[in-house]
Amino acid sequence: MQAQKIVTYTDETGRVIDMPTFQPRQRIELILLYTEDSYPAAHKKRSPPPKIKGAITEKGDIFSSAPESDWGIS
């Protein structure tokens, strides 16, 4: 296996620029390492789709609704 290090940037749409050309049907392995000042926004708060948001409400303690033997805890 041979390795080549390329440090490059993305354009305004997020596409990688200045990538080398590869041979047709060449199998390659890409390992992406983000610089410290450009981590992707992985810690974005998640929320359900608007169509199902608020459709389920908890009414009480959900853990005591089944006996402990059903939880598979020994």
PDB file of N, CA and C in Angstrom:
ATOM      1  N   MET A   1       0.846  -1.171   0.000  1.00  0.00           N
ATOM      2  CA  MET A   1       0.000   0.000   0.000  1.00  0.00           C
ATOM      3  C   MET A   1       0.889   1.231   0.000  1.00  0.00           C
ATOM      4  N   GLN A   2       0.519   2.192  -0.814  1.00  0.00           N
ATOM      5  CA  GLN A   2       1.242   3.455  -0.868  1.00  0.00           C
ATOM      6  C   GLN A   2       0.361   4.546  -0.278  1.00  0.00           C
ATOM      7  N   ALA A   3       0.968   5.572   0.255  1.00  0.00           N
ATOM      8  CA  ALA A   3       0.208   6.665   0.862  1.00  0.00           C
ATOM      9  C   ALA A   3       0.637   7.988   0.261  1.00  0.00           C
ATOM     10  N   GLN A   4      -0.299   8.889   0.196  1.00  0.00           N
ATOM     11  CA  GLN A   4      -0.032  10.229  -0.283  1.00  0.00           C
ATOM     12  C   GLN A   4      -0.826  11.183   0.595  1.00  0.00           C
ATOM     13  N   LYS A   5      -0.163  12.176   1.151  1.00  0.00           N
ATOM     14  CA  LYS A   5      -0.853  13.145   1.994  1.00  0.00           C
ATOM     15  C   LYS A   5      -1.205  14.364   1.156  1.00  0.00           C
ATOM     16  N   ILE A   6      -2.469  14.752   1.217  1.00  0.00           N
ATOM     17  CA  ILE A   6      -2.950  15.920   0.489  1.00  0.00           C
ATOM     18  C   ILE A   6      -3.680  16.811   1.482  1.00  0.00           C
ATOM     19  N   VAL A   7      -3.261  18.045   1.593  1.00  0.00           N
ATOM     20  CA  VAL A   7      -3.973  19.012   2.418  1.00  0.00           C
ATOM     21  C   VAL A   7      -4.665  19.958   1.455  1.00  0.00           C
ATOM     22  N   THR A   8      -5.979  20.019   1.532  1.00  0.00           N
ATOM     23  CA  THR A   8      -6.747  20.812   0.579  1.00  0.00           C
ATOM     24  C   THR A   8      -7.914  21.470   1.286  1.00  0.00           C
ATOM     25  N   TYR A   9      -8.764  22.116   0.551  1.00  0.00           N
ATOM     26  CA  TYR A   9      -9.909  22.831   1.093  1.00  0.00           C
ATOM     27  C   TYR A   9     -11.180  22.402   0.361  1.00  0.00           C
ATOM     28  N   THR A  10     -12.297  22.879   0.872  1.00  0.00           N
ATOM     29  CA  THR A  10     -13.560  22.673   0.184  1.00  0.00           C
ATOM     30  C   THR A  10     -14.033  24.012  -0.377  1.00  0.00           C
ATOM     31  N   ASP A  11     -14.856  23.942  -1.415  1.00  0.00           N
ATOM     32  CA  ASP A  11     -15.394  25.172  -1.991  1.00  0.00           C
ATOM     33  C   ASP A  11     -16.636  25.605  -1.222  1.00  0.00           C
ATOM     34  N   GLU A  12     -17.348  26.608  -1.723  1.00  0.00           N
ATOM     35  CA  GLU A  12     -18.512  27.154  -1.015  1.00  0.00           C
ATOM     36  C   GLU A  12     -19.669  26.165  -0.911  1.00  0.00           C
ATOM     37  N   THR A  13     -19.650  25.091  -1.694  1.00  0.00           N
ATOM     38  CA  THR A  13     -20.697  24.070  -1.590  1.00  0.00           C
ATOM     39  C   THR A  13     -20.257  22.874  -0.754  1.00  0.00           C
ATOM     40  N   GLY A  14     -19.032  22.878  -0.250  1.00  0.00           N
ATOM     41  CA  GLY A  14     -18.533  21.785   0.574  1.00  0.00           C
ATOM     42  C   GLY A  14     -17.832  20.696  -0.205  1.00  0.00           C
ATOM     43  N   ARG A  15     -17.622  20.882  -1.495  1.00  0.00           N
ATOM     44  CA  ARG A  15     -16.936  19.872  -2.307  1.00  0.00           C
ATOM     45  C   ARG A  15     -15.429  20.066  -2.210  1.00  0.00           C
ATOM     46  N   VAL A  16     -14.711  18.965  -2.164  1.00  0.00           N
ATOM     47  CA  VAL A  16     -13.256  19.005  -2.052  1.00  0.00           C
ATOM     48  C   VAL A  16     -12.657  19.509  -3.363  1.00  0.00           C
ATOM     49  N   ILE A  17     -11.714  20.436  -3.247  1.00  0.00           N
ATOM     50  CA  ILE A  17     -11.048  20.956  -4.443  1.00  0.00           C
ATOM     51  C   ILE A  17      -9.628  20.413  -4.512  1.00  0.00           C
ATOM     52  N   ASP A  18      -9.039  20.466  -5.680  1.00  0.00           N
ATOM     53  CA  ASP A  18      -7.653  20.058  -5.919  1.00  0.00           C
ATOM     54  C   ASP A  18      -7.374  18.601  -5.575  1.00  0.00           C
ATOM     55  N   MET A  19      -8.314  17.712  -5.888  1.00  0.00           N
ATOM     56  CA  MET A  19      -8.064  16.288  -5.687  1.00  0.00           C
ATOM     57  C   MET A  19      -7.333  15.743  -6.911  1.00  0.00           C
ATOM     58  N   PRO A  20      -6.446  14.776  -6.710  1.00  0.00           N
ATOM     59  CA  PRO A  20      -5.762  14.192  -7.860  1.00  0.00           C
ATOM     60  C   PRO A  20      -6.724  13.336  -8.678  1.00  0.00           C
ATOM     61  N   THR A  21      -6.371  13.074  -9.905  1.00  0.00           N
ATOM     62  CA  THR A  21      -7.187  12.165 -10.721  1.00  0.00           C
ATOM     63  C   THR A  21      -6.708  10.739 -10.461  1.00  0.00           C
ATOM     64  N   PHE A  22      -7.627   9.817 -10.556  1.00  0.00           N
ATOM     65  CA  PHE A  22      -7.321   8.416 -10.302  1.00  0.00           C
ATOM     66  C   PHE A  22      -7.550   7.609 -11.566  1.00  0.00           C
ATOM     67  N   GLN A  23      -6.974   6.425 -11.593  1.00  0.00           N
ATOM     68  CA  GLN A  23      -7.188   5.527 -12.727  1.00  0.00           C
ATOM     69  C   GLN A  23      -8.616   5.002 -12.664  1.00  0.00           C
ATOM     70  N   PRO A  24      -9.215   4.698 -13.801  1.00  0.00           N
ATOM     71  CA  PRO A  24     -10.570   4.138 -13.789  1.00  0.00           C
ATOM     72  C   PRO A  24     -10.620   2.834 -12.983  1.00  0.00           C
ATOM     73  N   ARG A  25     -11.665   2.693 -12.208  1.00  0.00           N
ATOM     74  CA  ARG A  25     -11.911   1.500 -11.393  1.00  0.00           C
ATOM     75  C   ARG A  25     -10.795   1.203 -10.393  1.00  0.00           C
ATOM     76  N   GLN A  26     -10.046   2.213 -10.021  1.00  0.00           N
ATOM     77  CA  GLN A  26      -8.972   2.050  -9.037  1.00  0.00           C
ATOM     78  C   GLN A  26      -9.582   2.059  -7.644  1.00  0.00           C
ATOM     79  N   ARG A  27      -9.200   1.108  -6.824  1.00  0.00           N
ATOM     80  CA  ARG A  27      -9.704   1.044  -5.457  1.00  0.00           C
ATOM     81  C   ARG A  27      -8.810   1.909  -4.582  1.00  0.00           C
ATOM     82  N   ILE A  28      -9.418   2.859  -3.884  1.00  0.00           N
ATOM     83  CA  ILE A  28      -8.655   3.750  -3.012  1.00  0.00           C
ATOM     84  C   ILE A  28      -9.308   3.769  -1.639  1.00  0.00           C
ATOM     85  N   GLU A  29      -8.563   4.179  -0.649  1.00  0.00           N
ATOM     86  CA  GLU A  29      -9.074   4.315   0.707  1.00  0.00           C
ATOM     87  C   GLU A  29      -8.791   5.738   1.146  1.00  0.00           C
ATOM     88  N   LEU A  30      -9.839   6.451   1.546  1.00  0.00           N
ATOM     89  CA  LEU A  30      -9.696   7.827   1.991  1.00  0.00           C
ATOM     90  C   LEU A  30      -9.859   7.889   3.501  1.00  0.00           C
ATOM     91  N   ILE A  31      -8.949   8.558   4.156  1.00  0.00           N
ATOM     92  CA  ILE A  31      -9.042   8.801   5.593  1.00  0.00           C
ATOM     93  C   ILE A  31      -9.065  10.308   5.767  1.00  0.00           C
ATOM     94  N   LEU A  32     -10.162  10.832   6.299  1.00  0.00           N
ATOM     95  CA  LEU A  32     -10.315  12.271   6.442  1.00  0.00           C
ATOM     96  C   LEU A  32      -9.953  12.700   7.848  1.00  0.00           C
ATOM     97  N   LEU A  33      -9.042  13.635   7.957  1.00  0.00           N
ATOM     98  CA  LEU A  33      -8.643  14.212   9.232  1.00  0.00           C
ATOM     99  C   LEU A  33      -8.953  15.698   9.164  1.00  0.00           C
ATOM    100  N   TYR A  34      -9.846  16.174  10.020  1.00  0.00           N
ATOM    101  CA  TYR A  34     -10.217  17.576  10.021  1.00  0.00           C
ATOM    102  C   TYR A  34      -9.226  18.368  10.859  1.00  0.00           C
ATOM    103  N   THR A  35      -8.890  19.558  10.403  1.00  0.00           N
ATOM    104  CA  THR A  35      -8.033  20.431  11.211  1.00  0.00           C
ATOM    105  C   THR A  35      -8.845  20.925  12.395  1.00  0.00           C
ATOM    106  N   GLU A  36      -8.175  21.291  13.457  1.00  0.00           N
ATOM    107  CA  GLU A  36      -8.871  21.650  14.693  1.00  0.00           C
ATOM    108  C   GLU A  36      -9.827  22.824  14.530  1.00  0.00           C
ATOM    109  N   ASP A  37      -9.523  23.734  13.639  1.00  0.00           N
ATOM    110  CA  ASP A  37     -10.381  24.907  13.483  1.00  0.00           C
ATOM    111  C   ASP A  37     -11.539  24.667  12.527  1.00  0.00           C
ATOM    112  N   SER A  38     -11.658  23.471  11.974  1.00  0.00           N
ATOM    113  CA  SER A  38     -12.730  23.245  10.991  1.00  0.00           C
ATOM    114  C   SER A  38     -13.459  21.927  11.207  1.00  0.00           C
ATOM    115  N   TYR A  39     -13.690  21.545  12.474  1.00  0.00           N
ATOM    116  CA  TYR A  39     -14.459  20.333  12.732  1.00  0.00           C
ATOM    117  C   TYR A  39     -15.861  20.488  12.176  1.00  0.00           C
ATOM    118  N   PRO A  40     -16.442  19.408  11.647  1.00  0.00           N
ATOM    119  CA  PRO A  40     -17.827  19.506  11.193  1.00  0.00           C
ATOM    120  C   PRO A  40     -18.760  19.681  12.383  1.00  0.00           C
ATOM    121  N   ALA A  41     -19.903  20.239  12.155  1.00  0.00           N
ATOM    122  CA  ALA A  41     -20.870  20.484  13.231  1.00  0.00           C
ATOM    123  C   ALA A  41     -21.547  19.186  13.623  1.00  0.00           C
ATOM    124  N   ALA A  42     -20.839  18.350  14.391  1.00  0.00           N
ATOM    125  CA  ALA A  42     -21.366  17.047  14.784  1.00  0.00           C
ATOM    126  C   ALA A  42     -22.213  17.123  16.047  1.00  0.00           C
ATOM    127  N   HIS A  43     -22.107  18.220  16.781  1.00  0.00           N
ATOM    128  CA  HIS A  43     -22.823  18.325  18.050  1.00  0.00           C
ATOM    129  C   HIS A  43     -24.099  19.146  17.906  1.00  0.00           C
ATOM    130  N   LYS A  44     -24.695  19.099  16.726  1.00  0.00           N
ATOM    131  CA  LYS A  44     -25.926  19.826  16.481  1.00  0.00           C
ATOM    132  C   LYS A  44     -27.071  19.121  17.209  1.00  0.00           C
ATOM    133  N   LYS A  45     -27.929  19.897  17.842  1.00  0.00           N
ATOM    134  CA  LYS A  45     -29.055  19.310  18.567  1.00  0.00           C
ATOM    135  C   LYS A  45     -30.012  18.644  17.587  1.00  0.00           C
ATOM    136  N   ARG A  46     -30.379  17.412  17.906  1.00  0.00           N
ATOM    137  CA  ARG A  46     -31.282  16.650  17.046  1.00  0.00           C
ATOM    138  C   ARG A  46     -32.718  16.870  17.471  1.00  0.00           C
ATOM    139  N   SER A  47     -33.623  16.816  16.524  1.00  0.00           N
ATOM    140  CA  SER A  47     -35.043  16.912  16.828  1.00  0.00           C
ATOM    141  C   SER A  47     -35.807  16.041  15.829  1.00  0.00           C
ATOM    142  N   PRO A  48     -36.985  15.566  16.231  1.00  0.00           N
ATOM    143  CA  PRO A  48     -37.749  14.700  15.330  1.00  0.00           C
ATOM    144  C   PRO A  48     -38.317  15.500  14.156  1.00  0.00           C
ATOM    145  N   PRO A  49     -38.700  14.801  13.098  1.00  0.00           N
ATOM    146  CA  PRO A  49     -39.337  15.491  11.971  1.00  0.00           C
ATOM    147  C   PRO A  49     -40.615  16.188  12.437  1.00  0.00           C
ATOM    148  N   PRO A  50     -40.937  17.328  11.856  1.00  0.00           N
ATOM    149  CA  PRO A  50     -42.137  18.068  12.285  1.00  0.00           C
ATOM    150  C   PRO A  50     -43.421  17.245  12.219  1.00  0.00           C
ATOM    151  N   LYS A  51     -43.474  16.291  11.296  1.00  0.00           N
ATOM    152  CA  LYS A  51     -44.687  15.478  11.134  1.00  0.00           C
ATOM    153  C   LYS A  51     -44.999  14.633  12.369  1.00  0.00           C
ATOM    154  N   ILE A  52     -43.967  14.167  13.095  1.00  0.00           N
ATOM    155  CA  ILE A  52     -44.202  13.314  14.265  1.00  0.00           C
ATOM    156  C   ILE A  52     -43.866  14.005  15.584  1.00  0.00           C
ATOM    157  N   LYS A  53     -43.398  15.239  15.518  1.00  0.00           N
ATOM    158  CA  LYS A  53     -43.017  15.952  16.739  1.00  0.00           C
ATOM    159  C   LYS A  53     -44.246  16.145  17.630  1.00  0.00           C
ATOM    160  N   GLY A  54     -44.133  15.716  18.881  1.00  0.00           N
ATOM    161  CA  GLY A  54     -45.216  15.856  19.843  1.00  0.00           C
ATOM    162  C   GLY A  54     -46.286  14.792  19.752  1.00  0.00           C
ATOM    163  N   ALA A  55     -46.109  13.785  18.894  1.00  0.00           N
ATOM    164  CA  ALA A  55     -47.126  12.747  18.739  1.00  0.00           C
ATOM    165  C   ALA A  55     -47.133  11.775  19.915  1.00  0.00           C
ATOM    166  N   ILE A  56     -46.003  11.650  20.608  1.00  0.00           N
ATOM    167  CA  ILE A  56     -45.908  10.721  21.735  1.00  0.00           C
ATOM    168  C   ILE A  56     -45.629  11.527  23.000  1.00  0.00           C
ATOM    169  N   THR A  57     -46.382  11.226  24.032  1.00  0.00           N
ATOM    170  CA  THR A  57     -46.144  11.875  25.314  1.00  0.00           C
ATOM    171  C   THR A  57     -45.955  10.806  26.380  1.00  0.00           C
ATOM    172  N   GLU A  58     -45.017  11.051  27.283  1.00  0.00           N
ATOM    173  CA  GLU A  58     -44.777  10.121  28.395  1.00  0.00           C
ATOM    174  C   GLU A  58     -45.750  10.447  29.517  1.00  0.00           C
ATOM    175  N   LYS A  59     -46.346   9.411  30.063  1.00  0.00           N
ATOM    176  CA  LYS A  59     -47.275   9.598  31.170  1.00  0.00           C
ATOM    177  C   LYS A  59     -46.822   8.722  32.323  1.00  0.00           C
ATOM    178  N   GLY A  60     -45.873   9.204  33.077  1.00  0.00           N
ATOM    179  CA  GLY A  60     -45.410   8.473  34.239  1.00  0.00           C
ATOM    180  C   GLY A  60     -44.063   7.820  34.022  1.00  0.00           C
ATOM    181  N   ASP A  61     -43.725   6.913  34.925  1.00  0.00           N
ATOM    182  CA  ASP A  61     -42.442   6.232  34.931  1.00  0.00           C
ATOM    183  C   ASP A  61     -42.470   5.066  33.948  1.00  0.00           C
ATOM    184  N   ILE A  62     -41.768   5.179  32.833  1.00  0.00           N
ATOM    185  CA  ILE A  62     -41.807   4.124  31.819  1.00  0.00           C
ATOM    186  C   ILE A  62     -40.990   2.895  32.215  1.00  0.00           C
ATOM    187  N   PHE A  63     -40.031   3.047  33.129  1.00  0.00           N
ATOM    188  CA  PHE A  63     -39.189   1.914  33.508  1.00  0.00           C
ATOM    189  C   PHE A  63     -39.899   0.950  34.449  1.00  0.00           C
ATOM    190  N   SER A  64     -40.830   1.420  35.222  1.00  0.00           N
ATOM    191  CA  SER A  64     -41.542   0.518  36.132  1.00  0.00           C
ATOM    192  C   SER A  64     -42.765  -0.116  35.459  1.00  0.00           C
ATOM    193  N   SER A  65     -42.970   0.145  34.194  1.00  0.00           N
ATOM    194  CA  SER A  65     -44.135  -0.428  33.506  1.00  0.00           C
ATOM    195  C   SER A  65     -43.935  -1.896  33.147  1.00  0.00           C
ATOM    196  N   ALA A  66     -42.714  -2.407  33.234  1.00  0.00           N
ATOM    197  CA  ALA A  66     -42.427  -3.824  32.971  1.00  0.00           C
ATOM    198  C   ALA A  66     -41.626  -4.365  34.145  1.00  0.00           C
ATOM    199  N   PRO A  67     -41.858  -5.627  34.516  1.00  0.00           N
ATOM    200  CA  PRO A  67     -41.091  -6.190  35.620  1.00  0.00           C
ATOM    201  C   PRO A  67     -39.607  -6.269  35.278  1.00  0.00           C
ATOM    202  N   GLU A  68     -38.759  -6.235  36.305  1.00  0.00           N
ATOM    203  CA  GLU A  68     -37.311  -6.251  36.121  1.00  0.00           C
ATOM    204  C   GLU A  68     -36.831  -7.499  35.382  1.00  0.00           C
ATOM    205  N   SER A  69     -37.566  -8.601  35.513  1.00  0.00           N
ATOM    206  CA  SER A  69     -37.173  -9.832  34.813  1.00  0.00           C
ATOM    207  C   SER A  69     -37.286  -9.696  33.296  1.00  0.00           C
ATOM    208  N   ASP A  70     -38.123  -8.799  32.814  1.00  0.00           N
ATOM    209  CA  ASP A  70     -38.258  -8.568  31.378  1.00  0.00           C
ATOM    210  C   ASP A  70     -37.098  -7.758  30.785  1.00  0.00           C
ATOM    211  N   TRP A  71     -36.332  -7.095  31.618  1.00  0.00           N
ATOM    212  CA  TRP A  71     -35.242  -6.248  31.138  1.00  0.00           C
ATOM    213  C   TRP A  71     -33.988  -7.043  30.833  1.00  0.00           C
ATOM    214  N   GLY A  72     -33.925  -8.292  31.200  1.00  0.00           N
ATOM    215  CA  GLY A  72     -32.761  -9.124  30.905  1.00  0.00           C
ATOM    216  C   GLY A  72     -31.551  -8.769  31.743  1.00  0.00           C
ATOM    217  N   ILE A  73     -31.772  -8.137  32.868  1.00  0.00           N
ATOM    218  CA  ILE A  73     -30.684  -7.767  33.779  1.00  0.00           C
ATOM    219  C   ILE A  73     -30.555  -8.854  34.831  1.00  0.00           C
ATOM    220  N   SER A  74     -29.343  -9.345  35.015  1.00  0.00           N
ATOM    221  CA  SER A  74     -29.175 -10.385  36.023  1.00  0.00           C
ATOM    222  C   SER A  74     -28.406  -9.904  37.210  1.00  0.00           C
TER     223      SER A  74
END
